Amino acid sequence: MNTKEKDLKYIMHTYGRYDVALKSANGATAYDEDGKKYIDVSSGIGVNSLGYCDRGWVKAVAEQAGTIQHMSNYFYCSRASNLAEKLCTLTGLSKVCFGNSGAEANECAIKIARKYSFDKYGAQRNEIITLRNSFHGRTVTTLAATGQDVFHNYFFPFTEGFKYVEADNLDSFKNAVSGKTCAVMLELIQGEGGLNILSREYVQSLVRYCNENDILVIIDEVQTGAGRTGRLFAFENYGITPDVITAAKGLGGGLPIGVCICGEKLKDVMTPSTHGTTFGANPVVCAGANYVVDKISDTEFLNEVETKGKYLQQKLSSIDGIKNIRRMGLMVGIELESADAHDIAVKCVENGLLIITAKALLRMLPPLTISYEEIDEAVKILEKTIKENN
C-alpha cells in the first residue's frame, strides 16, 4: 500500500485531505513523493513560521534532542525558563504556563479566569463571553467557547458558562455582561471564522470597559501571534494590554507548543495541582521556540513581514476574479467574486500551490521568511487557477 492507501485504512477520517503526500521541503517550497514541486502559502496552518527546515531551527532542535529530550515538570528546565523570560519581557506580562497546543493554552486561560473570579468573588462569577464566528479549539470546553453553532453538536453535554456576542458591537457585549461575567475571550482576527479583523476602536473600548469592571481580557493569539501580523503579537497593533494571551502554532516553528501568558494580577492565581501537563515545556520544543522567538522578535524582521504582506496584497489585487483582500501582516483572506473558495483551493493544489480556506475565503498564512520569488510564483499559480475556472 502507498501512503494514501495506508492513511485511508488506518487513520480516522477527521480531515478531508488534499490529494498530496509531501516528502521534503525547504523554505516555502515543498515536494511530494513523486517529486512534484509546490509553493506552500499555508505553512501547516500557520505553524512553520520560519518555513520548512530552517537551518538554525533544525540545529537548535537537534542539539537539544541529543542532550535531554524530555524531563518531568517536577524539575527545572533552562530551555523553558529562558523562553518564559523572553515571552514575559517582550509582552510586558508576568508569567507563563506551557502546554502543547492552542486548545490547551485556551483551556488554561479559561481556568485562570474562573479561578481568579472564584477566589475574589465566589463560585457563581464564572461566565466567559466570546464572539460569534470565533474559534478557540477542538476540546469539549474550547468548542463550547467557540462562537459557531456548527461546532455545537454531537459531543453533548458541552461545558457550560459561555455567552456569544456579535463582533465589533460594543452594545452587544455590554448587554451580555451580568454579575456572573468573569472574562471575555476574543481573537483580534478571526482566522477560522473568515479573516474578520476587529476594529481598533471597538477593541480599545471593550478593553477599557472590562478594566473598569474587573472583567478579564483574554486575547487568543494562537493564529495571530508569533510575528504573523507584523508585530510579535497582534494585540500590539491595537494599543492594548490584555490580562491573558494565548499562543501556539508558529511559536514552535514546527513542533507542538502552547503558551498561556498572564499579567501581574493573575501571576499567582494558579498553584500546584490546579493545572498540569506531561509534555508542556518539553526541552526540545522549547529549544526550537527559543530560536523562533529570537528571530521573529527582531524589529527589522517584523518590518519585513509587513513589507512582504503589502507586496503580496498588491500582487493579489491585480488578479481578475478577486473581489476583496483582508490582511494584517502575512495573514491574508481572499474574497473571490464568484468562484467557490474550496474548489479553487483544490485546483490550486493540482497546479502546485498549497493554500487553505476560511469559510468562503481563500486563506494565506505563508512562512514569514517566504521569498519574493516564492510570492510571485504563488500569485502566478493562483491567477492561472482562477482564470481556468472562470
Protein backbone atom coordinates (compact mmCIF):
# COMPACT_ATOMS: atom_id res chain seq x y z
CA MET A 1 0.00 0.00 0.00
CA ASN A 2 1.13 3.56 -0.68
CA THR A 3 0.90 6.43 1.82
CA LYS A 4 -2.63 7.43 0.82
CA GLU A 5 -3.96 3.87 0.98
CA LYS A 6 -2.46 3.29 4.45
CA ASP A 7 -3.86 6.62 5.65
CA LEU A 8 -7.37 5.76 4.47
CA LYS A 9 -7.17 2.32 6.06
CA TYR A 10 -5.59 3.12 9.43
CA ILE A 11 -6.16 6.82 10.28
CA MET A 12 -9.52 8.21 11.42
CA HIS A 13 -11.09 10.36 8.73
CA THR A 14 -11.19 13.62 10.71
CA TYR A 15 -9.66 15.66 7.87
CA GLY A 16 -10.72 15.97 4.24
CA ARG A 17 -7.21 15.74 2.84
CA TYR A 18 -5.91 17.20 -0.39
CA ASP A 19 -4.58 14.51 -2.73
CA VAL A 20 -0.90 15.12 -1.90
CA ALA A 21 1.68 13.17 0.10
CA LEU A 22 4.52 15.56 0.96
CA LYS A 23 8.03 14.16 1.31
CA SER A 24 10.54 17.01 1.64
CA ALA A 25 10.63 20.79 1.79
CA ASN A 26 12.71 23.90 2.34
CA GLY A 27 11.56 27.46 2.94
CA ALA A 28 8.13 27.81 1.35
CA THR A 29 8.81 25.15 -1.31
CA ALA A 30 7.74 21.54 -0.85
CA TYR A 31 7.92 18.33 -2.89
CA ASP A 32 5.62 15.33 -2.88
CA GLU A 33 6.54 11.66 -3.11
CA ASP A 34 6.53 11.88 -6.91
CA GLY A 35 8.90 14.87 -6.92
CA LYS A 36 6.26 17.43 -7.85
CA LYS A 37 7.01 20.96 -6.61
CA TYR A 38 4.62 23.11 -4.59
CA ILE A 39 4.71 26.63 -3.17
CA ASP A 40 3.20 26.44 0.32
CA VAL A 41 1.34 29.54 1.49
CA SER A 42 -0.38 27.66 4.32
CA SER A 43 2.74 26.78 6.37
CA GLY A 44 0.96 23.95 8.18
CA ILE A 45 -1.90 26.31 9.11
CA GLY A 46 0.50 28.98 10.31
CA VAL A 47 2.86 26.64 12.16
CA ASN A 48 6.03 26.74 10.04
CA SER A 49 6.67 30.40 10.80
CA LEU A 50 10.26 30.22 9.55
CA GLY A 51 9.37 27.92 6.68
CA TYR A 52 10.37 24.32 6.28
CA CYS A 53 13.65 23.16 7.80
CA ASP A 54 15.23 26.50 8.74
CA ARG A 55 18.88 25.56 9.36
CA GLY A 56 19.25 27.38 12.66
CA TRP A 57 15.99 25.92 13.99
CA VAL A 58 16.99 22.41 12.92
CA LYS A 59 20.38 22.81 14.65
CA ALA A 60 18.81 24.07 17.90
CA VAL A 61 16.28 21.21 18.00
CA ALA A 62 18.79 18.51 17.05
CA GLU A 63 21.35 19.61 19.65
CA GLN A 64 18.75 19.60 22.40
CA ALA A 65 17.41 16.20 21.30
CA GLY A 66 20.92 14.84 21.79
CA THR A 67 21.23 16.38 25.27
CA ILE A 68 17.93 15.83 27.11
CA GLN A 69 14.84 15.12 25.02
CA HIS A 70 12.30 15.20 27.87
CA MET A 71 12.08 15.77 31.59
CA SER A 72 9.25 15.85 34.07
CA ASN A 73 7.88 19.22 35.10
CA TYR A 74 8.87 18.31 38.63
CA PHE A 75 12.34 19.54 37.63
CA TYR A 76 13.62 22.90 36.41
CA CYS A 77 14.36 23.25 32.69
CA SER A 78 16.62 26.05 31.43
CA ARG A 79 15.13 25.95 27.92
CA ALA A 80 11.65 26.55 29.36
CA SER A 81 12.68 29.26 31.84
CA ASN A 82 14.66 31.11 29.16
CA LEU A 83 11.69 31.02 26.81
CA ALA A 84 9.34 32.18 29.55
CA GLU A 85 11.65 35.09 30.37
CA LYS A 86 11.71 36.17 26.72
CA LEU A 87 7.95 35.99 26.33
CA CYS A 88 7.26 37.93 29.52
CA THR A 89 9.88 40.58 28.72
CA LEU A 90 8.65 41.03 25.14
CA THR A 91 4.94 41.21 26.03
CA GLY A 92 5.16 43.14 29.31
CA LEU A 93 3.25 40.34 31.04
CA SER A 94 4.39 38.36 34.07
CA LYS A 95 4.18 34.57 33.97
CA VAL A 96 3.82 31.70 31.51
CA CYS A 97 2.14 28.30 31.63
CA PHE A 98 3.25 25.86 28.93
CA GLY A 99 1.18 23.28 27.06
CA ASN A 100 1.17 21.53 23.70
CA SER A 101 -1.44 23.30 21.57
CA GLY A 102 -3.64 26.33 21.17
CA ALA A 103 -6.61 24.49 22.62
CA GLU A 104 -4.59 23.62 25.74
CA ALA A 105 -3.43 27.21 26.09
CA ASN A 106 -7.04 28.39 25.87
CA GLU A 107 -8.15 25.79 28.42
CA CYS A 108 -5.51 27.17 30.77
CA ALA A 109 -6.71 30.74 30.18
CA ILE A 110 -10.30 29.72 30.93
CA LYS A 111 -9.20 28.04 34.16
CA ILE A 112 -7.15 31.09 35.22
CA ALA A 113 -10.10 33.43 34.61
CA ARG A 114 -12.53 31.26 36.53
CA LYS A 115 -10.18 30.66 39.45
CA TYR A 116 -9.32 34.36 39.73
CA SER A 117 -13.01 35.19 39.90
CA PHE A 118 -13.74 32.28 42.25
CA ASP A 119 -11.02 33.43 44.66
CA LYS A 120 -12.18 37.06 44.59
CA TYR A 121 -15.96 36.89 44.07
CA GLY A 122 -17.11 33.31 44.66
CA ALA A 123 -18.15 30.34 42.58
CA GLN A 124 -21.08 31.96 40.73
CA ARG A 125 -18.95 34.50 38.82
CA ASN A 126 -17.75 32.10 36.15
CA GLU A 127 -19.17 33.10 32.77
CA ILE A 128 -16.96 33.95 29.79
CA ILE A 129 -18.16 35.95 26.78
CA THR A 130 -16.79 35.10 23.33
CA LEU A 131 -17.58 36.39 19.85
CA ARG A 132 -19.73 34.97 17.09
CA ASN A 133 -17.54 33.35 14.39
CA SER A 134 -14.75 32.76 16.89
CA PHE A 135 -12.74 29.56 17.06
CA HIS A 136 -10.87 28.53 20.21
CA GLY A 137 -10.09 24.83 19.84
CA ARG A 138 -11.33 21.25 19.46
CA THR A 139 -11.66 20.07 23.05
CA VAL A 140 -15.16 19.91 24.52
CA THR A 141 -14.58 23.10 26.52
CA THR A 142 -12.90 25.12 23.76
CA LEU A 143 -15.61 24.01 21.33
CA ALA A 144 -18.11 25.39 23.85
CA ALA A 145 -16.12 28.64 23.89
CA THR A 146 -16.21 28.77 20.08
CA GLY A 147 -18.97 31.06 18.84
CA GLN A 148 -20.08 28.97 15.87
CA ASP A 149 -23.24 26.86 16.07
CA VAL A 150 -21.86 24.34 13.59
CA PHE A 151 -19.40 23.13 16.25
CA HIS A 152 -22.05 22.74 18.96
CA ASN A 153 -23.27 19.29 18.02
CA TYR A 154 -22.62 15.57 18.61
CA PHE A 155 -20.48 15.83 21.74
CA PHE A 156 -23.09 16.69 24.35
CA PRO A 157 -23.04 17.81 27.06
CA PHE A 158 -20.78 20.76 26.31
CA THR A 159 -19.09 22.72 29.08
CA GLU A 160 -21.37 25.42 30.46
CA GLY A 161 -20.55 29.05 31.17
CA PHE A 162 -20.15 30.73 27.78
CA LYS A 163 -22.13 33.50 26.06
CA TYR A 164 -21.70 34.67 22.46
CA VAL A 165 -21.99 38.22 21.16
CA GLU A 166 -21.59 39.96 17.81
CA ALA A 167 -18.09 41.20 16.95
CA ASP A 168 -17.45 44.93 16.60
CA ASN A 169 -20.64 45.68 18.55
CA LEU A 170 -19.91 47.07 22.00
CA ASP A 171 -23.59 47.30 22.94
CA SER A 172 -24.00 43.59 22.19
CA PHE A 173 -21.15 42.87 24.59
CA LYS A 174 -22.38 45.21 27.35
CA ASN A 175 -25.89 43.76 27.15
CA ALA A 176 -24.46 40.27 27.70
CA VAL A 177 -22.47 41.26 30.79
CA SER A 178 -24.00 40.26 34.11
CA GLY A 179 -22.93 39.67 37.67
CA LYS A 180 -21.75 36.23 36.51
CA THR A 181 -19.30 37.56 33.90
CA CYS A 182 -15.64 36.92 34.72
CA ALA A 183 -13.89 37.33 31.35
CA VAL A 184 -14.08 37.97 27.64
CA MET A 185 -12.09 35.87 25.16
CA LEU A 186 -11.53 37.09 21.63
CA GLU A 187 -9.38 36.76 18.54
CA LEU A 188 -8.34 40.13 17.12
CA ILE A 189 -8.51 38.50 13.70
CA GLN A 190 -10.96 35.61 13.44
CA GLY A 191 -8.87 33.18 11.43
CA GLU A 192 -11.16 30.16 11.08
CA GLY A 193 -14.17 32.49 11.13
CA GLY A 194 -13.28 34.12 7.81
CA LEU A 195 -10.36 36.51 8.43
CA ASN A 196 -12.55 39.06 10.18
CA ILE A 197 -10.33 41.86 11.50
CA LEU A 198 -11.75 43.57 14.59
CA SER A 199 -11.73 47.38 14.60
CA ARG A 200 -9.21 49.16 16.80
CA GLU A 201 -11.88 51.44 18.27
CA TYR A 202 -14.08 48.50 19.27
CA VAL A 203 -11.23 46.60 20.90
CA GLN A 204 -9.95 49.59 22.83
CA SER A 205 -13.45 50.46 24.08
CA LEU A 206 -14.13 46.87 25.10
CA VAL A 207 -10.84 46.58 26.99
CA ARG A 208 -11.45 49.89 28.77
CA TYR A 209 -14.93 48.75 29.85
CA CYS A 210 -13.57 45.41 31.07
CA ASN A 211 -10.76 47.03 33.03
CA GLU A 212 -13.27 49.30 34.76
CA ASN A 213 -15.39 46.31 35.76
CA ASP A 214 -12.67 43.78 36.62
CA ILE A 215 -13.63 41.57 33.68
CA LEU A 216 -10.52 39.78 32.46
CA VAL A 217 -9.47 40.25 28.82
CA ILE A 218 -8.15 37.07 27.17
CA ILE A 219 -6.68 37.50 23.69
CA ASP A 220 -6.44 34.29 21.68
CA GLU A 221 -3.25 34.76 19.63
CA VAL A 222 -2.96 31.12 18.53
CA GLN A 223 -3.10 32.10 14.86
CA THR A 224 -2.23 35.82 15.05
CA GLY A 225 0.83 35.52 17.30
CA ALA A 226 4.49 34.77 16.59
CA GLY A 227 5.02 37.66 14.17
CA ARG A 228 2.12 36.77 11.87
CA THR A 229 0.63 40.29 11.80
CA GLY A 230 3.88 42.24 11.56
CA ARG A 231 4.17 42.60 15.33
CA LEU A 232 5.24 39.87 17.73
CA PHE A 233 1.61 39.63 18.87
CA ALA A 234 -1.44 41.16 17.23
CA PHE A 235 -2.56 42.98 20.39
CA GLU A 236 0.39 45.34 19.90
CA ASN A 237 -1.35 46.65 16.76
CA TYR A 238 -4.33 47.67 18.91
CA GLY A 239 -2.59 49.64 21.66
CA ILE A 240 -3.94 47.44 24.46
CA THR A 241 -2.52 45.28 27.24
CA PRO A 242 -4.54 42.07 27.80
CA ASP A 243 -4.74 40.26 31.11
CA VAL A 244 -4.01 36.96 29.34
CA ILE A 245 -2.76 35.99 25.91
CA THR A 246 -2.59 32.51 24.44
CA ALA A 247 -0.22 31.45 21.67
CA ALA A 248 0.78 28.29 19.84
CA LYS A 249 1.19 27.38 16.14
CA GLY A 250 4.08 29.47 14.75
CA LEU A 251 5.75 29.89 18.14
CA GLY A 252 7.28 26.41 17.97
CA GLY A 253 8.34 26.67 14.34
CA GLY A 254 7.00 23.17 13.62
CA LEU A 255 6.90 21.41 16.99
CA PRO A 256 3.81 21.33 19.24
CA ILE A 257 3.65 24.13 21.79
CA GLY A 258 1.01 26.16 23.58
CA VAL A 259 1.59 29.03 25.99
CA CYS A 260 -0.72 30.97 28.27
CA ILE A 261 0.84 34.25 29.42
CA CYS A 262 -0.78 36.31 32.16
CA GLY A 263 -0.29 39.75 33.65
CA GLU A 264 0.72 40.83 37.13
CA LYS A 265 -2.62 40.47 38.91
CA LEU A 266 -3.00 36.87 37.72
CA LYS A 267 0.54 35.62 38.13
CA ASP A 268 -0.14 33.73 41.38
CA VAL A 269 -3.68 32.50 40.67
CA MET A 270 -2.64 29.01 39.61
CA THR A 271 -0.95 26.96 42.32
CA PRO A 272 0.47 23.40 42.46
CA SER A 273 -2.07 20.79 41.32
CA THR A 274 -4.50 23.33 39.80
CA HIS A 275 -3.07 22.64 36.33
CA GLY A 276 -0.52 20.36 34.72
CA THR A 277 0.91 18.84 31.56
CA THR A 278 3.17 15.89 30.79
CA PHE A 279 4.76 17.23 27.64
CA GLY A 280 4.36 21.00 28.09
CA ALA A 281 7.73 22.79 28.44
CA ASN A 282 9.44 19.91 26.66
CA PRO A 283 13.11 20.97 26.26
CA VAL A 284 13.34 20.05 22.55
CA VAL A 285 10.21 22.05 21.75
CA CYS A 286 11.42 24.96 23.87
CA ALA A 287 14.82 24.91 22.15
CA GLY A 288 13.05 25.37 18.82
CA ALA A 289 10.75 28.05 20.23
CA ASN A 290 13.67 29.98 21.74
CA TYR A 291 15.26 30.10 18.30
CA VAL A 292 11.98 31.22 16.71
CA VAL A 293 11.40 33.99 19.27
CA ASP A 294 14.96 35.28 18.95
CA LYS A 295 14.49 35.58 15.20
CA ILE A 296 10.94 36.93 14.93
CA SER A 297 11.23 39.47 17.75
CA ASP A 298 13.79 41.45 15.75
CA THR A 299 12.27 44.77 14.60
CA GLU A 300 13.76 44.55 11.12
CA PHE A 301 12.36 41.03 10.69
CA LEU A 302 8.87 42.16 11.74
CA ASN A 303 9.04 45.21 9.46
CA GLU A 304 9.88 42.87 6.59
CA VAL A 305 6.81 40.75 7.40
CA GLU A 306 4.64 43.83 6.88
CA THR A 307 6.53 44.80 3.72
CA LYS A 308 6.01 41.33 2.26
CA GLY A 309 2.35 41.48 3.25
CA LYS A 310 1.87 44.73 1.36
CA TYR A 311 3.72 43.32 -1.64
CA LEU A 312 1.54 40.20 -1.63
CA GLN A 313 -1.64 42.27 -1.33
CA GLN A 314 -0.58 44.49 -4.24
CA LYS A 315 0.07 41.45 -6.43
CA LEU A 316 -3.23 39.80 -5.48
CA SER A 317 -5.17 43.00 -6.14
CA SER A 318 -4.31 42.83 -9.83
CA ILE A 319 -5.92 39.40 -10.32
CA ASP A 320 -9.28 39.32 -12.10
CA GLY A 321 -11.77 37.34 -10.06
CA ILE A 322 -10.61 38.60 -6.65
CA LYS A 323 -13.23 40.82 -5.03
CA ASN A 324 -11.57 41.84 -1.78
CA ILE A 325 -8.49 41.19 0.34
CA ARG A 326 -8.40 41.19 4.14
CA ARG A 327 -4.88 41.43 5.51
CA MET A 328 -2.74 42.20 8.51
CA GLY A 329 0.94 41.37 8.09
CA LEU A 330 1.15 37.98 6.38
CA MET A 331 -2.30 36.86 7.47
CA VAL A 332 -4.40 37.15 4.32
CA GLY A 333 -8.00 36.38 3.40
CA ILE A 334 -9.05 36.46 -0.25
CA GLU A 335 -12.69 37.00 -1.14
CA LEU A 336 -13.50 35.74 -4.63
CA GLU A 337 -16.01 37.37 -6.96
CA SER A 338 -17.88 34.23 -7.95
CA ALA A 339 -15.74 31.10 -7.71
CA ASP A 340 -16.04 28.69 -4.78
CA ALA A 341 -13.01 29.04 -2.50
CA HIS A 342 -12.77 25.32 -1.69
CA ASP A 343 -12.93 24.37 -5.35
CA ILE A 344 -10.21 26.89 -6.18
CA ALA A 345 -8.04 25.63 -3.31
CA VAL A 346 -8.26 22.05 -4.62
CA LYS A 347 -7.39 23.19 -8.15
CA CYS A 348 -4.51 25.31 -6.80
CA VAL A 349 -3.01 22.20 -5.20
CA GLU A 350 -3.25 20.42 -8.55
CA ASN A 351 -1.40 23.37 -10.09
CA GLY A 352 1.36 23.40 -7.45
CA LEU A 353 0.10 25.82 -4.78
CA LEU A 354 -0.74 24.68 -1.23
CA ILE A 355 -3.44 27.03 0.02
CA ILE A 356 -6.26 26.70 2.55
CA THR A 357 -9.67 28.27 3.16
CA ALA A 358 -11.51 30.15 5.91
CA LYS A 359 -15.26 29.81 5.43
CA ALA A 360 -15.96 31.34 1.98
CA LEU A 361 -12.47 32.84 1.61
CA LEU A 362 -9.12 31.58 0.45
CA ARG A 363 -6.60 31.93 3.26
CA MET A 364 -2.86 32.55 3.03
CA LEU A 365 -0.59 32.08 6.06
CA PRO A 366 2.78 31.86 4.30
CA PRO A 367 6.04 31.37 6.16
CA LEU A 368 7.27 34.71 7.48
CA THR A 369 10.51 34.00 5.65
CA ILE A 370 8.87 33.44 2.25
CA SER A 371 10.96 34.97 -0.54
CA TYR A 372 9.63 37.50 -3.03
CA GLU A 373 10.28 34.95 -5.76
CA GLU A 374 8.09 32.43 -3.95
CA ILE A 375 5.39 35.07 -3.52
CA ASP A 376 5.49 35.83 -7.25
CA GLU A 377 5.26 32.14 -8.09
CA ALA A 378 2.35 31.62 -5.68
CA VAL A 379 0.42 34.57 -7.13
CA LYS A 380 1.06 33.36 -10.67
CA ILE A 381 -0.37 29.90 -9.87
CA LEU A 382 -3.40 31.41 -8.11
CA GLU A 383 -4.09 33.74 -11.04
CA LYS A 384 -3.81 30.86 -13.51
CA THR A 385 -6.16 28.71 -11.41
CA ILE A 386 -8.83 31.41 -11.06
CA LYS A 387 -8.63 32.14 -14.80
CA GLU A 388 -9.06 28.44 -15.64
CA ASN A 389 -12.17 28.25 -13.50
CA ASN A 390 -13.97 31.43 -14.56
